[in-house]
All heavy atoms as atom14 arrays in JSON, in Angstrom:
{
  "sequence": "ESDGPLASFPPALSREVWGTVAAPGRIEVPVSALTRHLKGRKCR",
  "atom14_mask": [
    [1, 1, 1, 1, 1, 1, 1, 1, 1, 0, 0, 0, 0, 0],
    [1, 1, 1, 1, 1, 1, 0, 0, 0, 0, 0, 0, 0, 0],
    [1, 1, 1, 1, 1, 1, 1, 1, 0, 0, 0, 0, 0, 0],
    [1, 1, 1, 1, 0, 0, 0, 0, 0, 0, 0, 0, 0, 0],
    [1, 1, 1, 1, 1, 1, 1, 0, 0, 0, 0, 0, 0, 0],
    [1, 1, 1, 1, 1, 1, 1, 1, 0, 0, 0, 0, 0, 0],
    [1, 1, 1, 1, 1, 0, 0, 0, 0, 0, 0, 0, 0, 0],
    [1, 1, 1, 1, 1, 1, 0, 0, 0, 0, 0, 0, 0, 0],
    [1, 1, 1, 1, 1, 1, 1, 1, 1, 1, 1, 0, 0, 0],
    [1, 1, 1, 1, 1, 1, 1, 0, 0, 0, 0, 0, 0, 0],
    [1, 1, 1, 1, 1, 1, 1, 0, 0, 0, 0, 0, 0, 0],
    [1, 1, 1, 1, 1, 0, 0, 0, 0, 0, 0, 0, 0, 0],
    [1, 1, 1, 1, 1, 1, 1, 1, 0, 0, 0, 0, 0, 0],
    [1, 1, 1, 1, 1, 1, 0, 0, 0, 0, 0, 0, 0, 0],
    [1, 1, 1, 1, 1, 1, 1, 1, 1, 1, 1, 0, 0, 0],
    [1, 1, 1, 1, 1, 1, 1, 1, 1, 0, 0, 0, 0, 0],
    [1, 1, 1, 1, 1, 1, 1, 0, 0, 0, 0, 0, 0, 0],
    [1, 1, 1, 1, 1, 1, 1, 1, 1, 1, 1, 1, 1, 1],
    [1, 1, 1, 1, 0, 0, 0, 0, 0, 0, 0, 0, 0, 0],
    [1, 1, 1, 1, 1, 1, 1, 0, 0, 0, 0, 0, 0, 0],
    [1, 1, 1, 1, 1, 1, 1, 0, 0, 0, 0, 0, 0, 0],
    [1, 1, 1, 1, 1, 0, 0, 0, 0, 0, 0, 0, 0, 0],
    [1, 1, 1, 1, 1, 0, 0, 0, 0, 0, 0, 0, 0, 0],
    [1, 1, 1, 1, 1, 1, 1, 0, 0, 0, 0, 0, 0, 0],
    [1, 1, 1, 1, 0, 0, 0, 0, 0, 0, 0, 0, 0, 0],
    [1, 1, 1, 1, 1, 1, 1, 1, 1, 1, 1, 0, 0, 0],
    [1, 1, 1, 1, 1, 1, 1, 1, 0, 0, 0, 0, 0, 0],
    [1, 1, 1, 1, 1, 1, 1, 1, 1, 0, 0, 0, 0, 0],
    [1, 1, 1, 1, 1, 1, 1, 0, 0, 0, 0, 0, 0, 0],
    [1, 1, 1, 1, 1, 1, 1, 0, 0, 0, 0, 0, 0, 0],
    [1, 1, 1, 1, 1, 1, 1, 0, 0, 0, 0, 0, 0, 0],
    [1, 1, 1, 1, 1, 1, 0, 0, 0, 0, 0, 0, 0, 0],
    [1, 1, 1, 1, 1, 0, 0, 0, 0, 0, 0, 0, 0, 0],
    [1, 1, 1, 1, 1, 1, 1, 1, 0, 0, 0, 0, 0, 0],
    [1, 1, 1, 1, 1, 1, 1, 0, 0, 0, 0, 0, 0, 0],
    [1, 1, 1, 1, 1, 1, 1, 1, 1, 1, 1, 0, 0, 0],
    [1, 1, 1, 1, 1, 1, 1, 1, 1, 1, 0, 0, 0, 0],
    [1, 1, 1, 1, 1, 1, 1, 1, 0, 0, 0, 0, 0, 0],
    [1, 1, 1, 1, 1, 1, 1, 1, 1, 0, 0, 0, 0, 0],
    [1, 1, 1, 1, 0, 0, 0, 0, 0, 0, 0, 0, 0, 0],
    [1, 1, 1, 1, 1, 1, 1, 1, 1, 1, 1, 0, 0, 0],
    [1, 1, 1, 1, 1, 1, 1, 1, 1, 0, 0, 0, 0, 0],
    [1, 1, 1, 1, 1, 1, 0, 0, 0, 0, 0, 0, 0, 0],
    [1, 1, 1, 1, 1, 1, 1, 1, 1, 1, 1, 0, 0, 0]
  ],
  "atom14_positions": [
    [[151.26, 90.79, 115.93], [152.55, 90.84, 116.63], [153.61, 90.82, 115.58], [153.55, 90.05, 114.61], [152.7, 89.68, 117.6], [152.56, 88.31, 116.96], [152.65, 87.18, 117.98], [151.88, 87.23, 118.96], [153.51, 86.29, 117.79], [0.0, 0.0, 0.0], [0.0, 0.0, 0.0], [0.0, 0.0, 0.0], [0.0, 0.0, 0.0], [0.0, 0.0, 0.0]],
    [[154.58, 91.66, 115.69], [155.61, 91.8, 114.67], [156.77, 90.86, 114.94], [156.98, 90.38, 116.07], [156.11, 93.25, 114.59], [156.73, 93.61, 115.82], [0.0, 0.0, 0.0], [0.0, 0.0, 0.0], [0.0, 0.0, 0.0], [0.0, 0.0, 0.0], [0.0, 0.0, 0.0], [0.0, 0.0, 0.0], [0.0, 0.0, 0.0], [0.0, 0.0, 0.0]],
    [[157.57, 90.62, 113.91], [158.73, 89.77, 114.03], [159.97, 90.54, 114.49], [161.05, 89.96, 114.66], [159.03, 89.1, 112.68], [157.91, 88.12, 112.28], [157.32, 87.54, 113.18], [157.65, 88.0, 111.07], [0.0, 0.0, 0.0], [0.0, 0.0, 0.0], [0.0, 0.0, 0.0], [0.0, 0.0, 0.0], [0.0, 0.0, 0.0], [0.0, 0.0, 0.0]],
    [[159.83, 91.83, 114.7], [160.96, 92.63, 115.13], [160.51, 94.05, 115.42], [159.4, 94.44, 115.08], [0.0, 0.0, 0.0], [0.0, 0.0, 0.0], [0.0, 0.0, 0.0], [0.0, 0.0, 0.0], [0.0, 0.0, 0.0], [0.0, 0.0, 0.0], [0.0, 0.0, 0.0], [0.0, 0.0, 0.0], [0.0, 0.0, 0.0], [0.0, 0.0, 0.0]],
    [[161.36, 94.87, 116.01], [160.95, 96.22, 116.39], [160.57, 97.1, 115.21], [159.74, 98.02, 115.35], [162.18, 96.77, 117.1], [163.32, 95.91, 116.7], [162.73, 94.57, 116.43], [0.0, 0.0, 0.0], [0.0, 0.0, 0.0], [0.0, 0.0, 0.0], [0.0, 0.0, 0.0], [0.0, 0.0, 0.0], [0.0, 0.0, 0.0], [0.0, 0.0, 0.0]],
    [[161.14, 96.88, 114.04], [160.83, 97.69, 112.89], [160.01, 96.96, 111.83], [159.72, 97.5, 110.77], [162.15, 98.2, 112.23], [163.05, 99.05, 113.13], [164.31, 99.45, 112.4], [162.29, 100.29, 113.62], [0.0, 0.0, 0.0], [0.0, 0.0, 0.0], [0.0, 0.0, 0.0], [0.0, 0.0, 0.0], [0.0, 0.0, 0.0], [0.0, 0.0, 0.0]],
    [[159.63, 95.73, 112.14], [158.89, 94.9, 111.17], [157.39, 95.2, 111.29], [156.87, 95.54, 112.36], [159.15, 93.43, 111.43], [0.0, 0.0, 0.0], [0.0, 0.0, 0.0], [0.0, 0.0, 0.0], [0.0, 0.0, 0.0], [0.0, 0.0, 0.0], [0.0, 0.0, 0.0], [0.0, 0.0, 0.0], [0.0, 0.0, 0.0], [0.0, 0.0, 0.0]],
    [[156.71, 95.1, 110.18], [155.26, 95.24, 110.17], [154.6, 93.94, 110.61], [155.24, 92.9, 110.71], [154.79, 95.62, 108.76], [155.14, 94.61, 107.84], [0.0, 0.0, 0.0], [0.0, 0.0, 0.0], [0.0, 0.0, 0.0], [0.0, 0.0, 0.0], [0.0, 0.0, 0.0], [0.0, 0.0, 0.0], [0.0, 0.0, 0.0], [0.0, 0.0, 0.0]],
    [[153.29, 94.04, 110.85], [152.56, 92.84, 111.26], [152.58, 91.84, 110.11], [152.24, 92.17, 108.97], [151.13, 93.19, 111.63], [150.99, 93.94, 112.91], [149.93, 94.82, 113.1], [151.89, 93.75, 113.94], [149.81, 95.51, 114.31], [151.77, 94.42, 115.15], [150.74, 95.3, 115.33], [0.0, 0.0, 0.0], [0.0, 0.0, 0.0], [0.0, 0.0, 0.0]],
    [[152.92, 90.56, 110.38], [152.98, 89.59, 109.31], [151.6, 89.1, 108.9], [150.66, 89.1, 109.71], [153.78, 88.43, 109.94], [153.5, 88.55, 111.4], [153.35, 90.0, 111.68], [0.0, 0.0, 0.0], [0.0, 0.0, 0.0], [0.0, 0.0, 0.0], [0.0, 0.0, 0.0], [0.0, 0.0, 0.0], [0.0, 0.0, 0.0], [0.0, 0.0, 0.0]],
    [[151.44, 88.69, 107.65], [150.14, 88.18, 107.2], [149.82, 86.85, 107.85], [150.73, 86.05, 108.19], [150.34, 88.02, 105.69], [151.8, 87.84, 105.51], [152.46, 88.68, 106.58], [0.0, 0.0, 0.0], [0.0, 0.0, 0.0], [0.0, 0.0, 0.0], [0.0, 0.0, 0.0], [0.0, 0.0, 0.0], [0.0, 0.0, 0.0], [0.0, 0.0, 0.0]],
    [[148.53, 86.59, 108.06], [148.12, 85.31, 108.62], [147.93, 84.26, 107.55], [148.03, 83.06, 107.83], [146.8, 85.48, 109.4], [0.0, 0.0, 0.0], [0.0, 0.0, 0.0], [0.0, 0.0, 0.0], [0.0, 0.0, 0.0], [0.0, 0.0, 0.0], [0.0, 0.0, 0.0], [0.0, 0.0, 0.0], [0.0, 0.0, 0.0], [0.0, 0.0, 0.0]],
    [[147.67, 84.69, 106.31], [147.37, 83.76, 105.21], [148.47, 83.82, 104.17], [149.02, 84.89, 103.85], [146.03, 84.12, 104.55], [144.81, 84.14, 105.45], [143.57, 84.55, 104.64], [144.57, 82.75, 106.08], [0.0, 0.0, 0.0], [0.0, 0.0, 0.0], [0.0, 0.0, 0.0], [0.0, 0.0, 0.0], [0.0, 0.0, 0.0], [0.0, 0.0, 0.0]],
    [[148.78, 82.66, 103.63], [149.79, 82.57, 102.55], [149.17, 82.7, 101.18], [149.86, 82.88, 100.19], [150.53, 81.23, 102.66], [149.6, 80.14, 102.53], [0.0, 0.0, 0.0], [0.0, 0.0, 0.0], [0.0, 0.0, 0.0], [0.0, 0.0, 0.0], [0.0, 0.0, 0.0], [0.0, 0.0, 0.0], [0.0, 0.0, 0.0], [0.0, 0.0, 0.0]],
    [[147.84, 82.62, 101.1], [147.11, 82.73, 99.83], [145.69, 83.12, 100.1], [145.24, 83.12, 101.26], [147.18, 81.41, 99.06], [146.61, 80.22, 99.82], [146.66, 78.96, 98.99], [146.31, 77.76, 99.73], [145.06, 77.35, 99.95], [144.04, 78.06, 99.47], [144.83, 76.23, 100.63], [0.0, 0.0, 0.0], [0.0, 0.0, 0.0], [0.0, 0.0, 0.0]],
    [[144.96, 83.44, 99.05], [143.55, 83.75, 99.2], [142.79, 82.49, 99.62], [143.07, 81.38, 99.12], [142.96, 84.31, 97.91], [143.44, 85.68, 97.54], [142.73, 86.21, 96.31], [142.02, 85.42, 95.65], [142.89, 87.41, 96.0], [0.0, 0.0, 0.0], [0.0, 0.0, 0.0], [0.0, 0.0, 0.0], [0.0, 0.0, 0.0], [0.0, 0.0, 0.0]],
    [[141.84, 82.67, 100.51], [140.98, 81.55, 100.93], [139.53, 81.95, 100.65], [139.06, 82.98, 101.16], [141.16, 81.22, 102.42], [140.19, 80.09, 102.84], [142.59, 80.85, 102.72], [0.0, 0.0, 0.0], [0.0, 0.0, 0.0], [0.0, 0.0, 0.0], [0.0, 0.0, 0.0], [0.0, 0.0, 0.0], [0.0, 0.0, 0.0], [0.0, 0.0, 0.0]],
    [[138.84, 81.19, 99.82], [137.47, 81.5, 99.49], [136.73, 80.21, 99.18], [137.33, 79.15, 98.99], [137.39, 82.45, 98.27], [138.13, 81.92, 97.06], [139.44, 82.09, 96.74], [137.57, 81.13, 96.0], [139.76, 81.45, 95.56], [138.61, 80.87, 95.07], [136.31, 80.65, 95.72], [138.42, 80.11, 93.93], [136.12, 79.89, 94.57], [137.14, 79.62, 93.69]],
    [[135.4, 80.28, 99.18], [134.59, 79.07, 98.91], [133.19, 79.29, 99.42], [132.73, 80.4, 99.63], [0.0, 0.0, 0.0], [0.0, 0.0, 0.0], [0.0, 0.0, 0.0], [0.0, 0.0, 0.0], [0.0, 0.0, 0.0], [0.0, 0.0, 0.0], [0.0, 0.0, 0.0], [0.0, 0.0, 0.0], [0.0, 0.0, 0.0], [0.0, 0.0, 0.0]],
    [[132.52, 78.17, 99.72], [131.18, 78.18, 100.3], [131.28, 77.78, 101.76], [132.06, 76.88, 102.1], [130.25, 77.2, 99.54], [130.18, 77.57, 98.16], [128.86, 77.23, 100.12], [0.0, 0.0, 0.0], [0.0, 0.0, 0.0], [0.0, 0.0, 0.0], [0.0, 0.0, 0.0], [0.0, 0.0, 0.0], [0.0, 0.0, 0.0], [0.0, 0.0, 0.0]],
    [[130.53, 78.45, 102.61], [130.59, 78.12, 104.04], [130.27, 76.67, 104.28], [129.41, 76.1, 103.59], [129.67, 79.05, 104.87], [130.07, 80.51, 104.71], [128.2, 78.88, 104.46], [0.0, 0.0, 0.0], [0.0, 0.0, 0.0], [0.0, 0.0, 0.0], [0.0, 0.0, 0.0], [0.0, 0.0, 0.0], [0.0, 0.0, 0.0], [0.0, 0.0, 0.0]],
    [[130.94, 76.07, 105.24], [130.68, 74.66, 105.55], [129.3, 74.47, 106.13], [128.66, 73.41, 105.91], [131.75, 74.13, 106.53], [0.0, 0.0, 0.0], [0.0, 0.0, 0.0], [0.0, 0.0, 0.0], [0.0, 0.0, 0.0], [0.0, 0.0, 0.0], [0.0, 0.0, 0.0], [0.0, 0.0, 0.0], [0.0, 0.0, 0.0], [0.0, 0.0, 0.0]],
    [[128.8, 75.45, 106.86], [127.46, 75.47, 107.44], [127.25, 76.91, 107.88], [128.19, 77.68, 108.03], [127.37, 74.5, 108.62], [0.0, 0.0, 0.0], [0.0, 0.0, 0.0], [0.0, 0.0, 0.0], [0.0, 0.0, 0.0], [0.0, 0.0, 0.0], [0.0, 0.0, 0.0], [0.0, 0.0, 0.0], [0.0, 0.0, 0.0], [0.0, 0.0, 0.0]],
    [[125.98, 77.3, 108.07], [125.75, 78.66, 108.58], [126.53, 78.9, 109.86], [126.41, 78.13, 110.82], [124.24, 78.71, 108.8], [123.69, 77.7, 107.84], [124.71, 76.61, 107.8], [0.0, 0.0, 0.0], [0.0, 0.0, 0.0], [0.0, 0.0, 0.0], [0.0, 0.0, 0.0], [0.0, 0.0, 0.0], [0.0, 0.0, 0.0], [0.0, 0.0, 0.0]],
    [[127.36, 79.94, 109.87], [128.14, 80.23, 111.05], [129.51, 79.56, 111.09], [130.22, 79.71, 112.08], [0.0, 0.0, 0.0], [0.0, 0.0, 0.0], [0.0, 0.0, 0.0], [0.0, 0.0, 0.0], [0.0, 0.0, 0.0], [0.0, 0.0, 0.0], [0.0, 0.0, 0.0], [0.0, 0.0, 0.0], [0.0, 0.0, 0.0], [0.0, 0.0, 0.0]],
    [[129.9, 78.86, 110.04], [131.17, 78.08, 110.09], [131.95, 78.21, 108.79], [131.42, 77.96, 107.7], [130.83, 76.62, 110.35], [132.03, 75.68, 110.38], [131.6, 74.23, 110.55], [132.7, 73.3, 110.45], [133.43, 72.86, 111.45], [133.15, 73.29, 112.65], [134.4, 71.99, 111.28], [0.0, 0.0, 0.0], [0.0, 0.0, 0.0], [0.0, 0.0, 0.0]],
    [[133.23, 78.6, 108.91], [134.15, 78.69, 107.77], [135.34, 77.81, 108.09], [135.93, 77.91, 109.17], [134.6, 80.15, 107.55], [133.41, 81.03, 107.12], [135.71, 80.22, 106.51], [133.75, 82.49, 107.09], [0.0, 0.0, 0.0], [0.0, 0.0, 0.0], [0.0, 0.0, 0.0], [0.0, 0.0, 0.0], [0.0, 0.0, 0.0], [0.0, 0.0, 0.0]],
    [[135.73, 76.98, 107.15], [136.85, 76.08, 107.36], [138.05, 76.54, 106.54], [137.94, 76.83, 105.35], [136.45, 74.64, 106.94], [135.35, 74.08, 107.83], [134.98, 72.65, 107.47], [135.47, 72.16, 106.42], [134.2, 72.02, 108.21], [0.0, 0.0, 0.0], [0.0, 0.0, 0.0], [0.0, 0.0, 0.0], [0.0, 0.0, 0.0], [0.0, 0.0, 0.0]],
    [[139.19, 76.65, 107.21], [140.42, 77.14, 106.59], [141.48, 76.03, 106.73], [141.85, 75.65, 107.85], [140.93, 78.41, 107.27], [142.18, 78.94, 106.57], [139.83, 79.47, 107.29], [0.0, 0.0, 0.0], [0.0, 0.0, 0.0], [0.0, 0.0, 0.0], [0.0, 0.0, 0.0], [0.0, 0.0, 0.0], [0.0, 0.0, 0.0], [0.0, 0.0, 0.0]],
    [[142.0, 75.5, 105.6], [143.04, 74.5, 105.71], [144.33, 75.1, 106.27], [144.66, 76.27, 105.97], [143.22, 74.01, 104.27], [142.73, 75.16, 103.42], [141.65, 75.82, 104.21], [0.0, 0.0, 0.0], [0.0, 0.0, 0.0], [0.0, 0.0, 0.0], [0.0, 0.0, 0.0], [0.0, 0.0, 0.0], [0.0, 0.0, 0.0], [0.0, 0.0, 0.0]],
    [[145.02, 74.35, 107.07], [146.26, 74.83, 107.67], [147.29, 75.19, 106.6], [148.14, 76.08, 106.81], [146.83, 73.77, 108.65], [148.21, 74.14, 109.11], [145.9, 73.67, 109.86], [0.0, 0.0, 0.0], [0.0, 0.0, 0.0], [0.0, 0.0, 0.0], [0.0, 0.0, 0.0], [0.0, 0.0, 0.0], [0.0, 0.0, 0.0], [0.0, 0.0, 0.0]],
    [[147.21, 74.56, 105.43], [148.16, 74.86, 104.34], [148.07, 76.3, 103.87], [148.95, 76.79, 103.22], [147.93, 73.92, 103.16], [146.59, 74.03, 102.67], [0.0, 0.0, 0.0], [0.0, 0.0, 0.0], [0.0, 0.0, 0.0], [0.0, 0.0, 0.0], [0.0, 0.0, 0.0], [0.0, 0.0, 0.0], [0.0, 0.0, 0.0], [0.0, 0.0, 0.0]],
    [[146.94, 76.98, 104.19], [146.76, 78.36, 103.76], [147.29, 79.36, 104.77], [147.22, 80.59, 104.54], [145.28, 78.65, 103.49], [0.0, 0.0, 0.0], [0.0, 0.0, 0.0], [0.0, 0.0, 0.0], [0.0, 0.0, 0.0], [0.0, 0.0, 0.0], [0.0, 0.0, 0.0], [0.0, 0.0, 0.0], [0.0, 0.0, 0.0], [0.0, 0.0, 0.0]],
    [[147.82, 78.9, 105.91], [148.32, 79.79, 106.96], [149.84, 79.99, 106.8], [150.56, 79.09, 106.35], [148.02, 79.2, 108.33], [146.55, 78.88, 108.62], [146.41, 78.28, 110.03], [145.68, 80.11, 108.49], [0.0, 0.0, 0.0], [0.0, 0.0, 0.0], [0.0, 0.0, 0.0], [0.0, 0.0, 0.0], [0.0, 0.0, 0.0], [0.0, 0.0, 0.0]],
    [[150.31, 81.13, 107.22], [151.73, 81.4, 107.14], [152.53, 80.81, 108.28], [153.74, 80.62, 108.19], [151.99, 82.94, 107.14], [151.43, 83.5, 108.34], [151.33, 83.59, 105.92], [0.0, 0.0, 0.0], [0.0, 0.0, 0.0], [0.0, 0.0, 0.0], [0.0, 0.0, 0.0], [0.0, 0.0, 0.0], [0.0, 0.0, 0.0], [0.0, 0.0, 0.0]],
    [[151.83, 80.51, 109.39], [152.5, 79.99, 110.6], [151.44, 79.38, 111.5], [150.25, 79.5, 111.24], [153.21, 81.13, 111.34], [152.27, 82.22, 111.85], [153.01, 83.48, 112.22], [153.6, 84.08, 111.06], [154.62, 84.94, 111.08], [155.17, 85.24, 112.26], [155.11, 85.45, 109.99], [0.0, 0.0, 0.0], [0.0, 0.0, 0.0], [0.0, 0.0, 0.0]],
    [[151.92, 78.72, 112.56], [150.97, 78.17, 113.54], [150.43, 79.35, 114.36], [151.17, 80.15, 114.91], [151.66, 77.16, 114.44], [150.71, 76.39, 115.3], [149.76, 75.54, 114.76], [150.55, 76.34, 116.64], [149.04, 75.0, 115.74], [149.51, 75.47, 116.9], [0.0, 0.0, 0.0], [0.0, 0.0, 0.0], [0.0, 0.0, 0.0], [0.0, 0.0, 0.0]],
    [[149.12, 79.44, 114.47], [148.48, 80.61, 115.06], [147.96, 80.4, 116.46], [147.38, 81.34, 117.04], [147.33, 81.1, 114.16], [147.71, 81.52, 112.72], [146.47, 81.92, 111.96], [148.72, 82.66, 112.73], [0.0, 0.0, 0.0], [0.0, 0.0, 0.0], [0.0, 0.0, 0.0], [0.0, 0.0, 0.0], [0.0, 0.0, 0.0], [0.0, 0.0, 0.0]],
    [[148.07, 79.22, 117.02], [147.5, 78.98, 118.35], [148.03, 79.99, 119.35], [149.24, 80.21, 119.47], [147.83, 77.56, 118.79], [147.34, 77.24, 120.2], [147.73, 75.84, 120.66], [147.35, 75.6, 122.1], [147.7, 74.24, 122.57], [0.0, 0.0, 0.0], [0.0, 0.0, 0.0], [0.0, 0.0, 0.0], [0.0, 0.0, 0.0], [0.0, 0.0, 0.0]],
    [[147.1, 80.62, 120.1], [147.48, 81.59, 121.12], [147.8, 82.97, 120.6], [148.01, 83.89, 121.39], [0.0, 0.0, 0.0], [0.0, 0.0, 0.0], [0.0, 0.0, 0.0], [0.0, 0.0, 0.0], [0.0, 0.0, 0.0], [0.0, 0.0, 0.0], [0.0, 0.0, 0.0], [0.0, 0.0, 0.0], [0.0, 0.0, 0.0], [0.0, 0.0, 0.0]],
    [[147.82, 83.17, 119.29], [148.13, 84.46, 118.7], [146.87, 85.25, 118.42], [145.85, 84.67, 118.03], [148.94, 84.31, 117.42], [150.27, 83.58, 117.59], [150.93, 83.37, 116.23], [152.15, 82.58, 116.32], [153.36, 83.07, 116.4], [153.52, 84.4, 116.41], [154.42, 82.29, 116.47], [0.0, 0.0, 0.0], [0.0, 0.0, 0.0], [0.0, 0.0, 0.0]],
    [[146.97, 86.57, 118.58], [145.83, 87.43, 118.23], [145.96, 87.84, 116.77], [147.01, 88.31, 116.35], [145.78, 88.67, 119.11], [144.63, 89.61, 118.76], [144.65, 90.91, 119.57], [144.19, 90.65, 120.99], [144.02, 91.93, 121.75], [0.0, 0.0, 0.0], [0.0, 0.0, 0.0], [0.0, 0.0, 0.0], [0.0, 0.0, 0.0], [0.0, 0.0, 0.0]],
    [[144.9, 87.6, 116.02], [144.89, 87.9, 114.58], [143.68, 88.79, 114.25], [142.62, 88.68, 114.9], [144.8, 86.63, 113.77], [146.17, 85.47, 114.01], [0.0, 0.0, 0.0], [0.0, 0.0, 0.0], [0.0, 0.0, 0.0], [0.0, 0.0, 0.0], [0.0, 0.0, 0.0], [0.0, 0.0, 0.0], [0.0, 0.0, 0.0], [0.0, 0.0, 0.0]],
    [[143.87, 89.62, 113.26], [142.73, 90.41, 112.75], [142.31, 89.81, 111.43], [143.07, 89.8, 110.45], [143.11, 91.88, 112.59], [141.9, 92.71, 112.09], [142.15, 94.19, 112.1], [140.99, 94.93, 111.62], [139.93, 95.21, 112.37], [139.88, 94.83, 113.64], [138.89, 95.87, 111.87], [0.0, 0.0, 0.0], [0.0, 0.0, 0.0], [0.0, 0.0, 0.0]]
  ]
}
């Protein structure tokens, strides 16, 4: 979802997130790595 009619889709992450999976099927992302609160938003 864009921030305006001519704006591009904003990034979901503020930095690269990488590491080892917490468990098979589970990846943990700290909120500090997000650009905004994402609840209810569709992200790719």
